[in-house]
PDB file of N, CA and C in Angstrom:
ATOM      1  N   MET A   1    -149.826  86.817 225.445  1.00  0.00           N
ATOM      2  CA  MET A   1    -149.701  87.897 224.513  1.00  0.00           C
ATOM      3  C   MET A   1    -149.612  87.178 223.062  1.00  0.00           C
ATOM      4  N   ALA A   2    -149.140  86.028 222.923  1.00  0.00           N
ATOM      5  CA  ALA A   2    -148.949  85.446 221.459  1.00  0.00           C
ATOM      6  C   ALA A   2    -150.371  84.960 221.224  1.00  0.00           C
ATOM      7  N   GLY A   3    -151.332  84.484 222.178  1.00  0.00           N
ATOM      8  CA  GLY A   3    -152.495  83.924 221.842  1.00  0.00           C
ATOM      9  C   GLY A   3    -153.420  85.038 221.431  1.00  0.00           C
ATOM     10  N   LEU A   4    -153.217  86.359 222.001  1.00  0.00           N
ATOM     11  CA  LEU A   4    -153.932  87.426 221.525  1.00  0.00           C
ATOM     12  C   LEU A   4    -153.756  87.866 220.214  1.00  0.00           C
ATOM     13  N   SER A   5    -152.523  88.087 219.888  1.00  0.00           N
ATOM     14  CA  SER A   5    -151.990  88.459 218.612  1.00  0.00           C
ATOM     15  C   SER A   5    -152.777  87.421 217.515  1.00  0.00           C
ATOM     16  N   GLY A   6    -152.556  86.088 217.767  1.00  0.00           N
ATOM     17  CA  GLY A   6    -153.222  85.018 216.913  1.00  0.00           C
ATOM     18  C   GLY A   6    -154.692  85.249 216.924  1.00  0.00           C
ATOM     19  N   LEU A   7    -155.386  85.650 217.757  1.00  0.00           N
ATOM     20  CA  LEU A   7    -156.825  85.946 217.842  1.00  0.00           C
ATOM     21  C   LEU A   7    -157.084  87.227 217.036  1.00  0.00           C
ATOM     22  N   ALA A   8    -156.213  88.028 216.907  1.00  0.00           N
ATOM     23  CA  ALA A   8    -156.531  89.468 216.504  1.00  0.00           C
ATOM     24  C   ALA A   8    -156.421  89.173 214.950  1.00  0.00           C
ATOM     25  N   SER A   9    -155.441  88.504 214.719  1.00  0.00           N
ATOM     26  CA  SER A   9    -155.049  88.063 212.909  1.00  0.00           C
ATOM     27  C   SER A   9    -156.221  87.344 212.399  1.00  0.00           C
ATOM     28  N   THR A  10    -156.713  86.408 213.382  1.00  0.00           N
ATOM     29  CA  THR A  10    -157.935  85.637 212.950  1.00  0.00           C
ATOM     30  C   THR A  10    -159.255  86.561 212.710  1.00  0.00           C
ATOM     31  N   LEU A  11    -159.494  87.324 213.528  1.00  0.00           N
ATOM     32  CA  LEU A  11    -160.505  88.171 213.363  1.00  0.00           C
ATOM     33  C   LEU A  11    -160.430  89.134 212.263  1.00  0.00           C
ATOM     34  N   ALA A  12    -159.213  89.550 211.841  1.00  0.00           N
ATOM     35  CA  ALA A  12    -158.852  90.658 210.849  1.00  0.00           C
ATOM     36  C   ALA A  12    -159.223  89.646 209.697  1.00  0.00           C
ATOM     37  N   PHE A  13    -158.836  88.493 209.615  1.00  0.00           N
ATOM     38  CA  PHE A  13    -158.842  87.668 208.203  1.00  0.00           C
ATOM     39  C   PHE A  13    -160.434  87.382 207.874  1.00  0.00           C
ATOM     40  N   ALA A  14    -161.326  87.098 209.319  1.00  0.00           N
ATOM     41  CA  ALA A  14    -162.643  86.823 208.993  1.00  0.00           C
ATOM     42  C   ALA A  14    -163.309  88.141 208.478  1.00  0.00           C
ATOM     43  N   ALA A  15    -162.956  89.014 208.596  1.00  0.00           N
ATOM     44  CA  ALA A  15    -163.571  90.392 208.326  1.00  0.00           C
ATOM     45  C   ALA A  15    -163.336  90.513 206.916  1.00  0.00           C
ATOM     46  N   LEU A  16    -162.536  90.041 206.176  1.00  0.00           N
ATOM     47  CA  LEU A  16    -162.332  90.192 204.676  1.00  0.00           C
ATOM     48  C   LEU A  16    -163.345  89.420 204.053  1.00  0.00           C
ATOM     49  N   PRO A  17    -163.775  90.217 202.813  1.00  0.00           N
ATOM     50  CA  PRO A  17    -164.757  89.662 202.009  1.00  0.00           C
ATOM     51  C   PRO A  17    -164.083  88.303 201.357  1.00  0.00           C
ATOM     52  N   ARG A  18    -165.064  87.412 200.965  1.00  0.00           N
ATOM     53  CA  ARG A  18    -164.596  86.045 200.475  1.00  0.00           C
ATOM     54  C   ARG A  18    -164.308  86.362 198.759  1.00  0.00           C
ATOM     55  N   PRO A  19    -163.445  85.824 198.360  1.00  0.00           N
ATOM     56  CA  PRO A  19    -163.086  85.852 196.812  1.00  0.00           C
ATOM     57  C   PRO A  19    -164.014  85.006 195.889  1.00  0.00           C
ATOM     58  N   ILE A  20    -165.263  85.617 195.858  1.00  0.00           N
ATOM     59  CA  ILE A  20    -166.160  84.914 195.166  1.00  0.00           C
ATOM     60  C   ILE A  20    -166.256  85.624 193.744  1.00  0.00           C
ATOM     61  N   PRO A  21    -166.063  84.972 192.529  1.00  0.00           N
ATOM     62  CA  PRO A  21    -166.116  85.454 191.420  1.00  0.00           C
ATOM     63  C   PRO A  21    -167.315  86.285 190.829  1.00  0.00           C
ATOM     64  N   ASP A  22    -167.047  87.586 190.496  1.00  0.00           N
ATOM     65  CA  ASP A  22    -168.247  88.365 190.014  1.00  0.00           C
ATOM     66  C   ASP A  22    -169.355  87.836 189.224  1.00  0.00           C
ATOM     67  N   ALA A  23    -168.808  86.712 188.213  1.00  0.00           N
ATOM     68  CA  ALA A  23    -169.587  86.123 187.373  1.00  0.00           C
ATOM     69  C   ALA A  23    -170.578  85.024 187.994  1.00  0.00           C
ATOM     70  N   ALA A  24    -170.424  84.815 189.265  1.00  0.00           N
ATOM     71  CA  ALA A  24    -171.076  83.832 189.811  1.00  0.00           C
ATOM     72  C   ALA A  24    -172.480  84.344 190.498  1.00  0.00           C
ATOM     73  N   PRO A  25    -173.635  83.955 189.951  1.00  0.00           N
ATOM     74  CA  PRO A  25    -174.921  84.344 190.257  1.00  0.00           C
ATOM     75  C   PRO A  25    -175.370  83.980 191.552  1.00  0.00           C
ATOM     76  N   ARG A  26    -176.388  84.730 192.248  1.00  0.00           N
ATOM     77  CA  ARG A  26    -176.715  84.144 193.625  1.00  0.00           C
ATOM     78  C   ARG A  26    -178.060  83.665 193.239  1.00  0.00           C
ATOM     79  N   VAL A  27    -178.262  82.273 193.811  1.00  0.00           N
ATOM     80  CA  VAL A  27    -179.387  81.320 193.563  1.00  0.00           C
ATOM     81  C   VAL A  27    -179.854  80.691 194.985  1.00  0.00           C
ATOM     82  N   LYS A  28    -181.111  80.326 194.897  1.00  0.00           N
ATOM     83  CA  LYS A  28    -181.563  79.465 195.963  1.00  0.00           C
ATOM     84  C   LYS A  28    -180.968  77.991 195.493  1.00  0.00           C
ATOM     85  N   MET A  29    -180.479  77.182 196.091  1.00  0.00           N
ATOM     86  CA  MET A  29    -179.950  75.851 195.815  1.00  0.00           C
ATOM     87  C   MET A  29    -180.515  74.863 196.822  1.00  0.00           C
ATOM     88  N   ALA A  30    -181.196  73.871 196.422  1.00  0.00           N
ATOM     89  CA  ALA A  30    -181.457  72.834 197.180  1.00  0.00           C
ATOM     90  C   ALA A  30    -180.613  71.673 196.874  1.00  0.00           C
ATOM     91  N   PHE A  31    -179.946  70.974 197.952  1.00  0.00           N
ATOM     92  CA  PHE A  31    -179.317  69.797 197.914  1.00  0.00           C
ATOM     93  C   PHE A  31    -180.236  68.529 198.251  1.00  0.00           C
ATOM     94  N   THR A  32    -180.687  68.143 197.027  1.00  0.00           N
ATOM     95  CA  THR A  32    -181.762  66.958 197.226  1.00  0.00           C
ATOM     96  C   THR A  32    -181.127  65.525 197.526  1.00  0.00           C
ATOM     97  N   SER A  33    -180.053  65.214 196.635  1.00  0.00           N
ATOM     98  CA  SER A  33    -179.471  63.885 196.820  1.00  0.00           C
ATOM     99  C   SER A  33    -178.208  64.070 196.412  1.00  0.00           C
ATOM    100  N   PRO A  34    -177.297  63.028 196.908  1.00  0.00           N
ATOM    101  CA  PRO A  34    -175.745  63.131 196.558  1.00  0.00           C
ATOM    102  C   PRO A  34    -175.545  63.471 194.919  1.00  0.00           C
ATOM    103  N   GLY A  35    -174.838  64.337 194.631  1.00  0.00           N
ATOM    104  CA  GLY A  35    -174.280  64.577 193.322  1.00  0.00           C
ATOM    105  C   GLY A  35    -175.427  65.319 192.474  1.00  0.00           C
ATOM    106  N   VAL A  36    -176.708  65.843 192.939  1.00  0.00           N
ATOM    107  CA  VAL A  36    -177.552  66.439 192.488  1.00  0.00           C
ATOM    108  C   VAL A  36    -178.104  67.664 193.204  1.00  0.00           C
ATOM    109  N   VAL A  37    -178.267  68.781 192.643  1.00  0.00           N
ATOM    110  CA  VAL A  37    -178.904  70.137 193.224  1.00  0.00           C
ATOM    111  C   VAL A  37    -180.088  70.626 192.323  1.00  0.00           C
ATOM    112  N   GLN A  38    -180.836  71.025 192.995  1.00  0.00           N
ATOM    113  CA  GLN A  38    -182.333  71.844 192.213  1.00  0.00           C
ATOM    114  C   GLN A  38    -181.806  73.385 192.391  1.00  0.00           C
ATOM    115  N   VAL A  39    -181.857  74.021 191.418  1.00  0.00           N
ATOM    116  CA  VAL A  39    -181.870  75.443 191.318  1.00  0.00           C
ATOM    117  C   VAL A  39    -183.021  75.802 190.351  1.00  0.00           C
ATOM    118  N   LYS A  40    -183.862  76.711 190.862  1.00  0.00           N
ATOM    119  CA  LYS A  40    -185.073  77.030 190.129  1.00  0.00           C
ATOM    120  C   LYS A  40    -185.862  75.798 189.870  1.00  0.00           C
ATOM    121  N   ASP A  41    -186.165  75.682 188.448  1.00  0.00           N
ATOM    122  CA  ASP A  41    -186.954  74.494 188.221  1.00  0.00           C
ATOM    123  C   ASP A  41    -185.687  73.676 187.372  1.00  0.00           C
ATOM    124  N   ALA A  42    -184.735  73.628 187.449  1.00  0.00           N
ATOM    125  CA  ALA A  42    -183.613  72.960 186.901  1.00  0.00           C
ATOM    126  C   ALA A  42    -183.132  71.947 187.960  1.00  0.00           C
ATOM    127  N   THR A  43    -182.868  70.548 187.520  1.00  0.00           N
ATOM    128  CA  THR A  43    -182.039  69.670 188.292  1.00  0.00           C
ATOM    129  C   THR A  43    -180.550  69.548 187.673  1.00  0.00           C
ATOM    130  N   LEU A  44    -179.554  69.984 188.481  1.00  0.00           N
ATOM    131  CA  LEU A  44    -178.316  69.872 187.927  1.00  0.00           C
ATOM    132  C   LEU A  44    -177.324  69.108 188.655  1.00  0.00           C
ATOM    133  N   LEU A  45    -176.356  68.477 187.914  1.00  0.00           N
ATOM    134  CA  LEU A  45    -175.412  67.433 188.615  1.00  0.00           C
ATOM    135  C   LEU A  45    -174.199  68.471 188.878  1.00  0.00           C
ATOM    136  N   LEU A  46    -173.703  67.759 190.080  1.00  0.00           N
ATOM    137  CA  LEU A  46    -172.290  68.377 190.572  1.00  0.00           C
ATOM    138  C   LEU A  46    -171.362  67.951 189.812  1.00  0.00           C
ATOM    139  N   SER A  47    -170.365  68.804 189.248  1.00  0.00           N
ATOM    140  CA  SER A  47    -169.077  68.183 188.524  1.00  0.00           C
ATOM    141  C   SER A  47    -168.247  67.143 189.361  1.00  0.00           C
ATOM    142  N   PRO A  48    -167.572  66.392 188.567  1.00  0.00           N
ATOM    143  CA  PRO A  48    -166.879  65.344 189.423  1.00  0.00           C
ATOM    144  C   PRO A  48    -165.781  66.193 190.342  1.00  0.00           C
ATOM    145  N   GLY A  49    -165.385  67.468 190.185  1.00  0.00           N
ATOM    146  CA  GLY A  49    -164.431  68.141 191.088  1.00  0.00           C
ATOM    147  C   GLY A  49    -165.050  69.195 191.725  1.00  0.00           C
ATOM    148  N   ALA A  50    -166.446  68.881 191.890  1.00  0.00           N
ATOM    149  CA  ALA A  50    -167.159  70.197 192.669  1.00  0.00           C
ATOM    150  C   ALA A  50    -166.695  70.616 193.708  1.00  0.00           C
ATOM    151  N   GLN A  51    -166.633  71.827 194.133  1.00  0.00           N
ATOM    152  CA  GLN A  51    -166.260  72.323 195.411  1.00  0.00           C
ATOM    153  C   GLN A  51    -167.096  73.010 195.985  1.00  0.00           C
ATOM    154  N   ILE A  52    -167.591  72.851 197.136  1.00  0.00           N
ATOM    155  CA  ILE A  52    -168.568  73.650 197.763  1.00  0.00           C
ATOM    156  C   ILE A  52    -167.865  74.144 199.335  1.00  0.00           C
ATOM    157  N   ARG A  53    -168.111  75.547 199.356  1.00  0.00           N
ATOM    158  CA  ARG A  53    -167.480  76.135 200.489  1.00  0.00           C
ATOM    159  C   ARG A  53    -168.564  76.683 201.462  1.00  0.00           C
ATOM    160  N   ASP A  54    -168.670  76.350 202.765  1.00  0.00           N
ATOM    161  CA  ASP A  54    -169.706  76.636 203.642  1.00  0.00           C
ATOM    162  C   ASP A  54    -169.579  78.235 204.018  1.00  0.00           C
ATOM    163  N   THR A  55    -170.301  78.746 204.894  1.00  0.00           N
ATOM    164  CA  THR A  55    -170.271  80.175 205.213  1.00  0.00           C
ATOM    165  C   THR A  55    -169.017  80.579 205.959  1.00  0.00           C
ATOM    166  N   HIS A  56    -168.356  79.524 206.509  1.00  0.00           N
ATOM    167  CA  HIS A  56    -166.989  80.003 207.114  1.00  0.00           C
ATOM    168  C   HIS A  56    -165.908  79.717 205.957  1.00  0.00           C
ATOM    169  N   ASN A  57    -166.210  79.468 204.730  1.00  0.00           N
ATOM    170  CA  ASN A  57    -165.148  79.316 203.555  1.00  0.00           C
ATOM    171  C   ASN A  57    -164.584  77.984 203.719  1.00  0.00           C
ATOM    172  N   ARG A  58    -164.881  77.068 204.526  1.00  0.00           N
ATOM    173  CA  ARG A  58    -164.512  75.595 204.345  1.00  0.00           C
ATOM    174  C   ARG A  58    -164.888  74.840 203.589  1.00  0.00           C
ATOM    175  N   ILE A  59    -164.179  74.166 202.636  1.00  0.00           N
ATOM    176  CA  ILE A  59    -164.613  72.978 201.764  1.00  0.00           C
ATOM    177  C   ILE A  59    -165.495  72.020 202.474  1.00  0.00           C
ATOM    178  N   VAL A  60    -166.676  71.602 202.035  1.00  0.00           N
ATOM    179  CA  VAL A  60    -167.388  70.622 202.597  1.00  0.00           C
ATOM    180  C   VAL A  60    -167.830  69.528 201.599  1.00  0.00           C
ATOM    181  N   LEU A  61    -167.981  68.297 201.872  1.00  0.00           N
ATOM    182  CA  LEU A  61    -168.307  67.445 201.258  1.00  0.00           C
ATOM    183  C   LEU A  61    -169.861  67.485 200.623  1.00  0.00           C
ATOM    184  N   PRO A  62    -170.127  67.094 199.428  1.00  0.00           N
ATOM    185  CA  PRO A  62    -171.522  67.483 199.053  1.00  0.00           C
ATOM    186  C   PRO A  62    -172.401  66.460 199.816  1.00  0.00           C
ATOM    187  N   SER A  63    -171.954  65.244 200.301  1.00  0.00           N
ATOM    188  CA  SER A  63    -172.669  64.395 200.944  1.00  0.00           C
ATOM    189  C   SER A  63    -173.232  65.149 202.474  1.00  0.00           C
ATOM    190  N   HIS A  64    -172.346  66.215 202.790  1.00  0.00           N
ATOM    191  CA  HIS A  64    -172.659  66.658 204.273  1.00  0.00           C
ATOM    192  C   HIS A  64    -173.511  67.814 204.024  1.00  0.00           C
ATOM    193  N   VAL A  65    -174.181  68.169 203.144  1.00  0.00           N
ATOM    194  CA  VAL A  65    -174.870  69.306 202.804  1.00  0.00           C
ATOM    195  C   VAL A  65    -176.308  68.973 202.479  1.00  0.00           C
ATOM    196  N   SER A  66    -177.370  69.439 203.089  1.00  0.00           N
ATOM    197  CA  SER A  66    -178.724  68.920 202.776  1.00  0.00           C
ATOM    198  C   SER A  66    -179.448  70.432 202.797  1.00  0.00           C
ATOM    199  N   GLY A  67    -180.645  70.119 202.515  1.00  0.00           N
ATOM    200  CA  GLY A  67    -181.579  71.478 202.573  1.00  0.00           C
ATOM    201  C   GLY A  67    -181.480  72.415 201.520  1.00  0.00           C
ATOM    202  N   GLU A  68    -182.103  73.707 201.703  1.00  0.00           N
ATOM    203  CA  GLU A  68    -181.949  74.682 200.707  1.00  0.00           C
ATOM    204  C   GLU A  68    -181.186  75.948 201.346  1.00  0.00           C
ATOM    205  N   HIS A  69    -180.363  76.418 200.432  1.00  0.00           N
ATOM    206  CA  HIS A  69    -179.301  77.515 200.729  1.00  0.00           C
ATOM    207  C   HIS A  69    -179.321  78.418 199.852  1.00  0.00           C
ATOM    208  N   VAL A  70    -179.056  79.889 200.124  1.00  0.00           N
ATOM    209  CA  VAL A  70    -178.752  80.860 199.318  1.00  0.00           C
ATOM    210  C   VAL A  70    -177.146  80.687 199.001  1.00  0.00           C
ATOM    211  N   VAL A  71    -176.889  80.556 197.743  1.00  0.00           N
ATOM    212  CA  VAL A  71    -175.418  80.496 197.325  1.00  0.00           C
ATOM    213  C   VAL A  71    -175.205  81.287 196.128  1.00  0.00           C
ATOM    214  N   ARG A  72    -173.935  81.412 195.767  1.00  0.00           N
ATOM    215  CA  ARG A  72    -173.423  81.867 194.365  1.00  0.00           C
ATOM    216  C   ARG A  72    -172.757  80.606 193.955  1.00  0.00           C
ATOM    217  N   MET A  73    -172.872  80.514 192.590  1.00  0.00           N
ATOM    218  CA  MET A  73    -172.239  79.469 192.037  1.00  0.00           C
ATOM    219  C   MET A  73    -171.804  79.546 190.355  1.00  0.00           C
ATOM    220  N   LEU A  74    -170.912  78.825 190.234  1.00  0.00           N
ATOM    221  CA  LEU A  74    -170.309  78.818 188.872  1.00  0.00           C
ATOM    222  C   LEU A  74    -170.519  77.326 188.124  1.00  0.00           C
ATOM    223  N   VAL A  75    -170.761  77.276 187.113  1.00  0.00           N
ATOM    224  CA  VAL A  75    -171.075  76.000 186.283  1.00  0.00           C
ATOM    225  C   VAL A  75    -169.980  75.739 185.388  1.00  0.00           C
ATOM    226  N   ASP A  76    -169.630  74.587 184.972  1.00  0.00           N
ATOM    227  CA  ASP A  76    -168.475  74.261 184.061  1.00  0.00           C
ATOM    228  C   ASP A  76    -168.988  74.184 182.593  1.00  0.00           C
ATOM    229  N   ARG A  77    -168.170  73.856 181.584  1.00  0.00           N
ATOM    230  CA  ARG A  77    -168.433  73.754 180.239  1.00  0.00           C
ATOM    231  C   ARG A  77    -169.687  72.765 179.894  1.00  0.00           C
ATOM    232  N   ASN A  78    -169.758  71.874 180.769  1.00  0.00           N
ATOM    233  CA  ASN A  78    -170.747  70.812 180.682  1.00  0.00           C
ATOM    234  C   ASN A  78    -172.022  71.137 181.350  1.00  0.00           C
ATOM    235  N   GLY A  79    -172.201  72.263 181.838  1.00  0.00           N
ATOM    236  CA  GLY A  79    -173.319  72.714 182.487  1.00  0.00           C
ATOM    237  C   GLY A  79    -173.640  72.025 183.963  1.00  0.00           C
ATOM    238  N   GLN A  80    -172.383  71.477 184.297  1.00  0.00           N
ATOM    239  CA  GLN A  80    -172.435  70.911 185.836  1.00  0.00           C
ATOM    240  C   GLN A  80    -171.966  71.968 186.736  1.00  0.00           C
ATOM    241  N   VAL A  81    -172.626  72.032 187.914  1.00  0.00           N
ATOM    242  CA  VAL A  81    -172.187  72.925 188.971  1.00  0.00           C
ATOM    243  C   VAL A  81    -170.633  72.399 189.586  1.00  0.00           C
ATOM    244  N   HIS A  82    -169.964  73.449 189.290  1.00  0.00           N
ATOM    245  CA  HIS A  82    -168.449  73.214 189.608  1.00  0.00           C
ATOM    246  C   HIS A  82    -167.979  73.902 191.103  1.00  0.00           C
ATOM    247  N   ARG A  83    -168.440  75.103 191.248  1.00  0.00           N
ATOM    248  CA  ARG A  83    -168.145  75.737 192.568  1.00  0.00           C
ATOM    249  C   ARG A  83    -169.333  76.379 193.104  1.00  0.00           C
ATOM    250  N   VAL A  84    -169.412  76.242 194.461  1.00  0.00           N
ATOM    251  CA  VAL A  84    -170.501  76.724 195.123  1.00  0.00           C
ATOM    252  C   VAL A  84    -170.018  77.331 196.494  1.00  0.00           C
ATOM    253  N   TRP A  85    -170.539  78.704 196.865  1.00  0.00           N
ATOM    254  CA  TRP A  85    -170.163  79.384 197.863  1.00  0.00           C
ATOM    255  C   TRP A  85    -171.592  79.583 198.667  1.00  0.00           C
ATOM    256  N   MET A  86    -171.780  78.918 199.961  1.00  0.00           N
ATOM    257  CA  MET A  86    -173.033  79.018 200.667  1.00  0.00           C
ATOM    258  C   MET A  86    -172.715  80.475 201.369  1.00  0.00           C
ATOM    259  N   LEU A  87    -173.733  81.197 201.308  1.00  0.00           N
ATOM    260  CA  LEU A  87    -173.669  82.408 201.730  1.00  0.00           C
ATOM    261  C   LEU A  87    -174.137  82.893 203.210  1.00  0.00           C
ATOM    262  N   THR A  88    -173.721  83.618 203.852  1.00  0.00           N
ATOM    263  CA  THR A  88    -173.923  84.209 205.123  1.00  0.00           C
ATOM    264  C   THR A  88    -175.350  85.054 204.920  1.00  0.00           C
ATOM    265  N   PRO A  89    -176.063  85.329 206.065  1.00  0.00           N
ATOM    266  CA  PRO A  89    -177.169  86.141 205.731  1.00  0.00           C
ATOM    267  C   PRO A  89    -176.923  87.432 205.171  1.00  0.00           C
ATOM    268  N   GLU A  90    -175.638  87.984 205.786  1.00  0.00           N
ATOM    269  CA  GLU A  90    -175.102  89.354 205.184  1.00  0.00           C
ATOM    270  C   GLU A  90    -174.807  89.346 203.886  1.00  0.00           C
ATOM    271  N   GLU A  91    -173.925  88.187 203.385  1.00  0.00           N
ATOM    272  CA  GLU A  91    -173.636  88.143 202.002  1.00  0.00           C
ATOM    273  C   GLU A  91    -174.708  87.966 201.225  1.00  0.00           C
ATOM    274  N   ALA A  92    -175.840  87.278 201.748  1.00  0.00           N
ATOM    275  CA  ALA A  92    -177.098  87.102 200.649  1.00  0.00           C
ATOM    276  C   ALA A  92    -177.815  88.363 200.389  1.00  0.00           C
ATOM    277  N   LEU A  93    -177.782  89.297 201.430  1.00  0.00           N
ATOM    278  CA  LEU A  93    -178.435  90.577 201.424  1.00  0.00           C
ATOM    279  C   LEU A  93    -177.549  91.598 200.612  1.00  0.00           C
ATOM    280  N   ALA A  94    -176.291  91.370 200.488  1.00  0.00           N
ATOM    281  CA  ALA A  94    -175.427  92.351 199.993  1.00  0.00           C
ATOM    282  C   ALA A  94    -175.795  92.591 198.553  1.00  0.00           C
ATOM    283  N   PRO A  95    -175.579  93.664 197.881  1.00  0.00           N
ATOM    284  CA  PRO A  95    -175.793  93.804 196.515  1.00  0.00           C
ATOM    285  C   PRO A  95    -174.787  93.051 195.789  1.00  0.00           C
ATOM    286  N   LEU A  96    -175.026  92.635 194.469  1.00  0.00           N
ATOM    287  CA  LEU A  96    -174.240  91.881 193.714  1.00  0.00           C
ATOM    288  C   LEU A  96    -173.255  92.910 192.842  1.00  0.00           C
ATOM    289  N   PRO A  97    -172.036  92.356 192.689  1.00  0.00           N
ATOM    290  CA  PRO A  97    -170.936  93.261 191.971  1.00  0.00           C
ATOM    291  C   PRO A  97    -171.626  93.707 190.487  1.00  0.00           C
ATOM    292  N   LYS A  98    -171.354  95.066 189.954  1.00  0.00           N
ATOM    293  CA  LYS A  98    -171.955  95.215 188.650  1.00  0.00           C
ATOM    294  C   LYS A  98    -170.968  94.411 187.688  1.00  0.00           C
ATOM    295  N   PRO A  99    -171.758  94.090 186.593  1.00  0.00           N
ATOM    296  CA  PRO A  99    -171.095  93.303 185.638  1.00  0.00           C
ATOM    297  C   PRO A  99    -169.970  94.223 184.810  1.00  0.00           C
ATOM    298  N   ALA A 100    -168.775  93.673 184.514  1.00  0.00           N
ATOM    299  CA  ALA A 100    -167.974  94.488 183.711  1.00  0.00           C
ATOM    300  C   ALA A 100    -168.275  94.624 182.282  1.00  0.00           C
ATOM    301  N   ARG A 101    -167.897  95.726 181.798  1.00  0.00           N
ATOM    302  CA  ARG A 101    -168.504  96.144 180.354  1.00  0.00           C
ATOM    303  C   ARG A 101    -167.426  95.806 179.328  1.00  0.00           C
TER     304      ARG A 101
END
């Protein structure tokens, strides 16, 4: 019984939307080499404390990510990529939040 209640709480948690800031735009990002990403025609550096979250919301090391992904991202004051959320196919198709006025 305890195992079933743990599974139920895990499934309920998985159904919650991830807390991605509304200000984070959706882009296609290519992880080309360690510490560097390509967004549109721009080559951007990852910030020293960059945090990348996979589709299961786990933090992953930049060196373990390769290829092109649909993501939402935030940059820091220096123009470096600071936070990245790799999107599931459903998240990638979902409408973006409306900007606050």
